[in-house]
Protein backbone atom coordinates (compact mmCIF):
# COMPACT_ATOMS: atom_id res chain seq x y z
CA UNK A 1 0.00 0.00 0.00
CA UNK A 2 1.21 3.47 -0.80
CA UNK A 3 1.82 5.78 2.16
CA UNK A 4 -0.10 8.59 0.47
CA UNK A 5 -3.42 10.25 1.27
CA UNK A 6 -5.71 12.57 -0.68
CA UNK A 7 -5.26 16.23 0.20
CA UNK A 8 -8.78 17.13 -0.86
CA UNK A 9 -7.46 19.28 -3.70
CA UNK A 10 -8.96 18.99 -7.16
CA UNK A 11 -9.00 20.91 -10.42
CA UNK A 12 -12.63 21.93 -10.00
CA UNK A 13 -12.10 23.05 -6.38
CA UNK A 14 -9.22 25.30 -7.37
CA UNK A 15 -11.08 26.71 -10.37
CA UNK A 16 -14.13 27.59 -8.30
CA UNK A 17 -11.92 29.12 -5.60
CA UNK A 18 -10.49 31.46 -8.24
CA UNK A 19 -14.01 32.27 -9.43
CA UNK A 20 -15.04 33.12 -5.86
CA UNK A 21 -11.94 35.32 -5.51
CA UNK A 22 -12.99 37.24 -8.64
CA UNK A 23 -16.43 38.14 -7.25
CA UNK A 24 -15.25 41.42 -5.62
CA UNK A 25 -13.64 42.51 -8.90
CA UNK A 26 -16.80 41.63 -10.82
CA UNK A 27 -18.91 43.59 -8.34
CA UNK A 28 -16.67 46.66 -8.73
CA UNK A 29 -16.81 46.45 -12.53
CA UNK A 30 -20.62 46.35 -12.36
CA UNK A 31 -20.65 49.37 -10.06
CA UNK A 32 -18.41 51.46 -12.30
CA UNK A 33 -19.43 50.25 -15.77
CA UNK A 34 -23.07 49.32 -15.21
CA UNK A 35 -25.16 46.58 -16.80
CA UNK A 36 -23.05 46.54 -19.97
CA UNK A 37 -20.30 44.89 -17.94
CA UNK A 38 -22.71 42.12 -16.96
CA UNK A 39 -23.66 41.60 -20.61
CA UNK A 40 -20.02 41.30 -21.69
CA UNK A 41 -19.36 38.84 -18.86
CA UNK A 42 -22.39 36.71 -19.70
CA UNK A 43 -21.55 36.55 -23.41
CA UNK A 44 -17.90 35.68 -22.74
CA UNK A 45 -18.68 32.92 -20.23
CA UNK A 46 -21.53 31.43 -22.29
CA UNK A 47 -19.40 31.43 -25.45
CA UNK A 48 -16.42 29.76 -23.75
CA UNK A 49 -18.60 27.06 -22.18
CA UNK A 50 -20.44 26.43 -25.46
CA UNK A 51 -17.27 26.17 -27.54
CA UNK A 52 -15.62 23.78 -25.09
CA UNK A 53 -18.72 21.56 -25.06
CA UNK A 54 -18.95 21.53 -28.85
CA UNK A 55 -15.27 20.77 -29.34
CA UNK A 56 -15.09 17.99 -26.74
CA UNK A 57 -18.31 16.36 -27.95
CA UNK A 58 -18.12 16.62 -31.74
CA UNK A 59 -14.43 17.10 -32.59
CA UNK A 60 -12.42 15.43 -29.83
CA UNK A 61 -15.25 13.00 -28.97
CA UNK A 62 -14.36 13.02 -25.28
CA UNK A 63 -16.42 13.30 -22.11
CA UNK A 64 -17.63 16.82 -21.38
CA UNK A 65 -15.18 18.86 -19.29
CA UNK A 66 -17.15 22.04 -18.67
CA UNK A 67 -17.98 20.91 -15.13
CA UNK A 68 -14.42 21.54 -13.92
CA UNK A 69 -15.01 25.29 -14.09
CA UNK A 70 -12.02 26.09 -16.32
CA UNK A 71 -14.15 27.26 -19.25
CA UNK A 72 -16.18 29.53 -16.94
CA UNK A 73 -12.97 30.98 -15.52
CA UNK A 74 -11.53 31.57 -19.00
CA UNK A 75 -14.72 33.38 -19.99
CA UNK A 76 -14.68 35.59 -16.89
CA UNK A 77 -11.01 36.48 -17.29
CA UNK A 78 -11.54 37.18 -20.99
CA UNK A 79 -14.39 39.54 -20.09
CA UNK A 80 -12.15 41.34 -17.61
CA UNK A 81 -9.70 42.02 -20.46
CA UNK A 82 -12.33 43.66 -22.66
CA UNK A 83 -14.03 47.07 -22.74
CA UNK A 84 -17.55 46.90 -21.37
CA UNK A 85 -18.91 48.48 -24.56
CA UNK A 86 -17.50 45.83 -26.92
CA UNK A 87 -19.84 44.32 -29.55
CA UNK A 88 -21.10 40.85 -28.65
CA UNK A 89 -19.87 39.20 -31.86
CA UNK A 90 -16.29 40.31 -31.19
CA UNK A 91 -16.52 38.74 -27.74
CA UNK A 92 -17.67 35.45 -29.31
CA UNK A 93 -14.66 35.49 -31.66
CA UNK A 94 -12.35 36.06 -28.70
CA UNK A 95 -13.93 33.14 -26.84
CA UNK A 96 -13.49 30.87 -29.86
CA UNK A 97 -9.79 31.74 -30.08
CA UNK A 98 -9.30 31.35 -26.32
CA UNK A 99 -10.98 27.94 -26.09
CA UNK A 100 -10.58 26.51 -29.58
CA UNK A 101 -7.05 27.69 -30.39
CA UNK A 102 -5.26 28.40 -27.11
CA UNK A 103 -6.75 25.55 -25.05
CA UNK A 104 -8.41 22.67 -26.91
CA UNK A 105 -6.01 22.57 -29.87
CA UNK A 106 -3.28 21.63 -27.38
CA UNK A 107 -5.40 18.85 -25.88
CA UNK A 108 -7.44 20.71 -23.28
CA UNK A 109 -6.81 21.77 -19.71
CA UNK A 110 -3.32 20.89 -18.51
CA UNK A 111 -1.75 20.84 -21.97
CA UNK A 112 -2.03 24.45 -23.14
CA UNK A 113 1.19 26.45 -23.33
CA UNK A 114 -0.33 29.93 -23.13
CA UNK A 115 -3.04 31.41 -20.92
CA UNK A 116 -6.21 31.03 -23.03
CA UNK A 117 -7.92 34.25 -21.92
CA UNK A 118 -4.83 36.31 -22.73
CA UNK A 119 -4.48 34.69 -26.14
CA UNK A 120 -8.09 35.63 -26.87
CA UNK A 121 -7.51 39.16 -25.66
CA UNK A 122 -4.32 39.72 -27.68
CA UNK A 123 -5.94 38.24 -30.80
CA UNK A 124 -8.82 40.70 -30.50
CA UNK A 125 -6.42 43.58 -29.83
CA UNK A 126 -4.52 42.84 -33.02
CA UNK A 127 -7.64 42.13 -35.10
CA UNK A 128 -9.94 44.88 -33.78
CA UNK A 129 -7.62 47.59 -32.41
CA UNK A 130 -10.16 50.41 -32.62
CA UNK A 131 -12.93 48.55 -30.81
CA UNK A 132 -10.53 47.15 -28.23
CA UNK A 133 -9.11 50.59 -27.39
CA UNK A 134 -12.37 52.55 -27.36
CA UNK A 135 -12.64 52.80 -23.60
CA UNK A 136 -15.96 53.46 -21.86
CA UNK A 137 -16.30 56.02 -19.12
CA UNK A 138 -17.34 54.91 -15.68
CA UNK A 139 -20.77 55.82 -14.33
CA UNK A 140 -19.24 58.34 -11.95
CA UNK A 141 -17.03 59.89 -14.66
CA UNK A 142 -20.13 60.44 -16.79
CA UNK A 143 -21.84 62.21 -13.89
CA UNK A 144 -18.73 64.32 -13.29
CA UNK A 145 -18.51 65.20 -16.98
CA UNK A 146 -22.16 66.29 -16.98
CA UNK A 147 -21.46 68.53 -13.99
CA UNK A 148 -18.34 69.95 -15.69
CA UNK A 149 -20.36 70.63 -18.83
CA UNK A 150 -22.80 72.73 -16.80
CA UNK A 151 -19.91 74.67 -15.24
CA UNK A 152 -18.04 75.08 -18.53
CA UNK A 153 -15.07 72.83 -17.65
CA UNK A 154 -15.62 70.52 -20.61
CA UNK A 155 -12.06 70.48 -21.97
CA UNK A 156 -10.54 68.84 -18.94
CA UNK A 157 -13.49 66.46 -18.63
CA UNK A 158 -13.24 65.35 -22.25
CA UNK A 159 -9.48 64.83 -21.91
CA UNK A 160 -9.56 62.81 -18.74
CA UNK A 161 -12.78 60.80 -18.71
CA UNK A 162 -12.83 57.66 -20.81
CA UNK A 163 -9.07 57.63 -21.29
CA UNK A 164 -7.05 55.04 -19.41
CA UNK A 165 -4.38 56.28 -16.99
CA UNK A 166 -1.75 54.49 -19.06
CA UNK A 167 -3.08 56.21 -22.18
CA UNK A 168 -2.71 59.59 -20.46
CA UNK A 169 0.84 58.68 -19.46
CA UNK A 170 1.67 57.61 -23.03
CA UNK A 171 0.28 60.91 -24.32
CA UNK A 172 2.32 62.90 -21.82
CA UNK A 173 -0.82 64.12 -20.01
CA UNK A 174 0.27 63.03 -16.55
CA UNK A 175 -1.09 66.23 -14.98
CA UNK A 176 -4.61 64.89 -15.70
CA UNK A 177 -4.09 61.47 -14.20
CA UNK A 178 -6.86 60.29 -11.86
CA UNK A 179 -6.15 60.46 -8.15
CA UNK A 180 -4.44 57.58 -6.43
CA UNK A 181 -7.70 56.87 -4.60
CA UNK A 182 -9.68 56.66 -7.86
CA UNK A 183 -7.12 54.25 -9.29
CA UNK A 184 -7.18 52.22 -6.08
CA UNK A 185 -10.95 51.76 -6.07
CA UNK A 186 -11.30 51.47 -9.87
CA UNK A 187 -12.96 54.76 -10.91
CA UNK A 188 -10.93 54.95 -14.14
CA UNK A 189 -11.62 54.36 -17.80
CA UNK A 190 -10.45 51.15 -19.42
CA UNK A 191 -11.27 47.49 -19.63
CA UNK A 192 -13.35 45.70 -17.01
CA UNK A 193 -10.16 44.23 -15.55
CA UNK A 194 -8.85 47.68 -14.71
CA UNK A 195 -10.95 47.55 -11.59
CA UNK A 196 -9.84 48.78 -8.21
CA UNK A 197 -6.73 47.32 -6.71
CA UNK A 198 -8.70 46.92 -3.49
CA UNK A 199 -11.06 44.35 -5.06
CA UNK A 200 -8.17 42.45 -6.63
CA UNK A 201 -6.23 42.38 -3.35
CA UNK A 202 -9.29 41.03 -1.51
CA UNK A 203 -9.40 38.21 -4.05
CA UNK A 204 -5.66 37.62 -3.67
CA UNK A 205 -6.00 37.31 0.10
CA UNK A 206 -8.75 34.72 -0.39
CA UNK A 207 -6.55 32.71 -2.78
CA UNK A 208 -3.65 32.80 -0.32
CA UNK A 209 -5.79 31.86 2.69
CA UNK A 210 -7.35 28.92 0.85
CA UNK A 211 -3.87 27.96 -0.44
CA UNK A 212 -5.13 28.00 -4.00
CA UNK A 213 -1.93 29.82 -4.99
CA UNK A 214 1.29 30.84 -3.24
CA UNK A 215 2.67 34.34 -2.83
CA UNK A 216 5.73 33.87 -5.04
CA UNK A 217 4.41 34.99 -8.44
CA UNK A 218 2.27 38.03 -7.49
CA UNK A 219 4.76 39.35 -4.95
CA UNK A 220 7.72 38.96 -7.32
CA UNK A 221 5.79 40.83 -10.03
CA UNK A 222 4.80 43.65 -7.68
CA UNK A 223 8.31 43.95 -6.24
CA UNK A 224 10.00 43.96 -9.65
CA UNK A 225 7.61 46.55 -11.08
CA UNK A 226 8.02 48.75 -7.99
CA UNK A 227 11.83 48.57 -8.02
CA UNK A 228 12.30 48.95 -11.80
CA UNK A 229 9.74 51.76 -12.13
CA UNK A 230 11.15 53.39 -8.98
CA UNK A 231 14.67 53.48 -10.41
CA UNK A 232 13.42 55.06 -13.63
CA UNK A 233 11.35 57.60 -11.69
CA UNK A 234 14.27 58.57 -9.47
CA UNK A 235 16.51 58.96 -12.51
CA UNK A 236 14.04 61.24 -14.31
CA UNK A 237 10.81 62.10 -12.45
CA UNK A 238 9.55 64.23 -15.34
CA UNK A 239 9.83 61.46 -17.93
CA UNK A 240 8.79 58.43 -15.86
CA UNK A 241 5.81 58.10 -13.53
CA UNK A 242 6.11 56.83 -9.99
CA UNK A 243 5.94 53.08 -9.24
CA UNK A 244 2.64 53.34 -7.32
CA UNK A 245 0.92 54.58 -10.46
CA UNK A 246 2.33 51.64 -12.42
CA UNK A 247 1.04 49.20 -9.81
CA UNK A 248 -2.46 50.68 -9.71
CA UNK A 249 -3.01 51.20 -13.45
CA UNK A 250 -3.84 48.89 -16.31
CA UNK A 251 -4.22 45.18 -15.88
CA UNK A 252 -1.17 44.70 -13.66
CA UNK A 253 -3.08 43.69 -10.53
CA UNK A 254 -5.41 41.35 -12.39
CA UNK A 255 -2.59 39.80 -14.39
CA UNK A 256 -0.30 39.30 -11.41
CA UNK A 257 -2.93 37.75 -9.13
CA UNK A 258 -5.18 35.80 -11.49
CA UNK A 259 -3.49 35.20 -14.84
CA UNK A 260 0.22 34.84 -14.24
CA UNK A 261 -0.59 32.37 -11.45
CA UNK A 262 -2.29 29.91 -13.83
CA UNK A 263 -1.12 26.44 -12.79
CA UNK A 264 -0.63 25.12 -16.32
CA UNK A 265 1.40 27.99 -17.77
CA UNK A 266 3.55 28.96 -14.76
CA UNK A 267 6.66 27.23 -13.33
CA UNK A 268 6.34 24.42 -10.80
CA UNK A 269 9.13 25.30 -8.37
CA UNK A 270 9.17 28.26 -5.99
CA UNK A 271 12.50 29.47 -7.39
CA UNK A 272 11.15 29.20 -10.89
CA UNK A 273 8.05 31.17 -9.94
CA UNK A 274 10.17 34.00 -8.57
CA UNK A 275 12.18 34.15 -11.81
CA UNK A 276 8.97 33.98 -13.83
CA UNK A 277 7.35 36.81 -11.85
CA UNK A 278 10.46 38.99 -12.08
CA UNK A 279 10.52 38.46 -15.84
CA UNK A 280 6.89 39.55 -16.14
CA UNK A 281 7.58 42.66 -14.08
CA UNK A 282 10.62 43.70 -16.12
CA UNK A 283 8.91 43.08 -19.47
CA UNK A 284 5.80 44.98 -18.36
CA UNK A 285 7.74 48.13 -17.48
CA UNK A 286 9.88 47.86 -20.62
CA UNK A 287 6.80 47.64 -22.86
CA UNK A 288 4.94 50.38 -21.00
CA UNK A 289 7.91 52.73 -20.88
CA UNK A 290 9.81 52.14 -24.11
CA UNK A 291 7.18 50.51 -26.35
CA UNK A 292 4.50 52.07 -28.53
CA UNK A 293 1.69 50.34 -26.62
CA UNK A 294 0.88 51.76 -23.16
CA UNK A 295 -0.11 48.41 -21.57
CA UNK A 296 2.29 45.47 -21.39
CA UNK A 297 1.00 42.94 -18.88
CA UNK A 298 -0.72 40.65 -21.40
CA UNK A 299 2.30 40.46 -23.67
CA UNK A 300 4.69 40.04 -20.73
CA UNK A 301 2.73 37.08 -19.32
CA UNK A 302 2.47 35.37 -22.71
CA UNK A 303 6.20 35.79 -23.31
CA UNK A 304 7.00 34.29 -19.93
CA UNK A 305 4.47 31.48 -20.57
CA UNK A 306 6.71 30.53 -23.49
CA UNK A 307 9.77 30.61 -21.21
CA UNK A 308 8.11 28.46 -18.51
CA UNK A 309 9.26 25.07 -19.95
CA UNK A 310 12.85 26.32 -19.93
CA UNK A 311 12.51 27.58 -16.36
CA UNK A 312 11.13 24.18 -15.32
CA UNK A 313 14.19 22.45 -16.82
CA UNK A 314 16.67 24.52 -14.80
CA UNK A 315 14.61 25.01 -11.65
CA UNK A 316 13.38 21.52 -10.90
CA UNK A 317 11.84 20.88 -7.48
CA UNK A 318 13.70 18.47 -5.21
CA UNK A 319 12.69 14.86 -5.81
CA UNK A 320 10.89 13.20 -2.94
CA UNK A 321 13.25 10.98 -0.94
CA UNK A 322 16.39 12.15 -2.73
CA UNK A 323 19.36 12.57 -0.39
CA UNK A 324 21.63 15.62 -0.58
CA UNK A 325 25.10 14.93 -1.98
């Protein structure tokens, strides 16, 4: 008899834990973007579940796998990477790419090389750049703009509302950046995933408490971004924004806590996870600062997904029962 026992862990348990951890972020997106955010979420999840069922049943001819929750999670994360005003048919295309190309073409859950939701997002960004970068204004920004219109302050309102903080930074309009508090709670233009850091951190705490993930990847990303961006800011404060702004803007929080930590596409060892997270942090700041595109988290994670097999080769966990030499 083997001296092993079941820990109670399972794929479905971990997937549903992540879904529970995303509830605060979903609630915040609904508060700031309204019912359109719920529509985008529903279409993305339904499309991902439908495509996985169709592919497993009619193409792969395997038992249905939608019960493990991975397709639902992919749909929710895909929705968080989209503007809340995106046309439904574009969302369906993104779901097809995420499930059909990035996941099922590799053999399904556990075999995919890249994070499916990010592949869907990047595909849509390349294919529909205008629709994917037409950012909606939050409910509160619309109210503020209406008030500014009555008072005559329309120029500043038009310049700041609806634009992402990273877009303002890229355009050199840092004087019109939202307040740190607005960025912290999520009252900024952008995709649904650019919700408040507070909601994301609540979800992260839940994942850590339930031991769904470990701290290594998110903390290494946050630390690397803070240090790298801090060095640039100290060297030239006028050209480079402070590290807190980098941490609170764009999809950094969502990517670090919920997408970079994907079991399948991230390294297995703790050392490897620290290297992986540091790589994501460095690439994100390089793309944001020196690239033509203001956001870099999606591309950074996908690049490091490709490096994960190499990291696993050189950062292997210690074999059980192996004695030190």
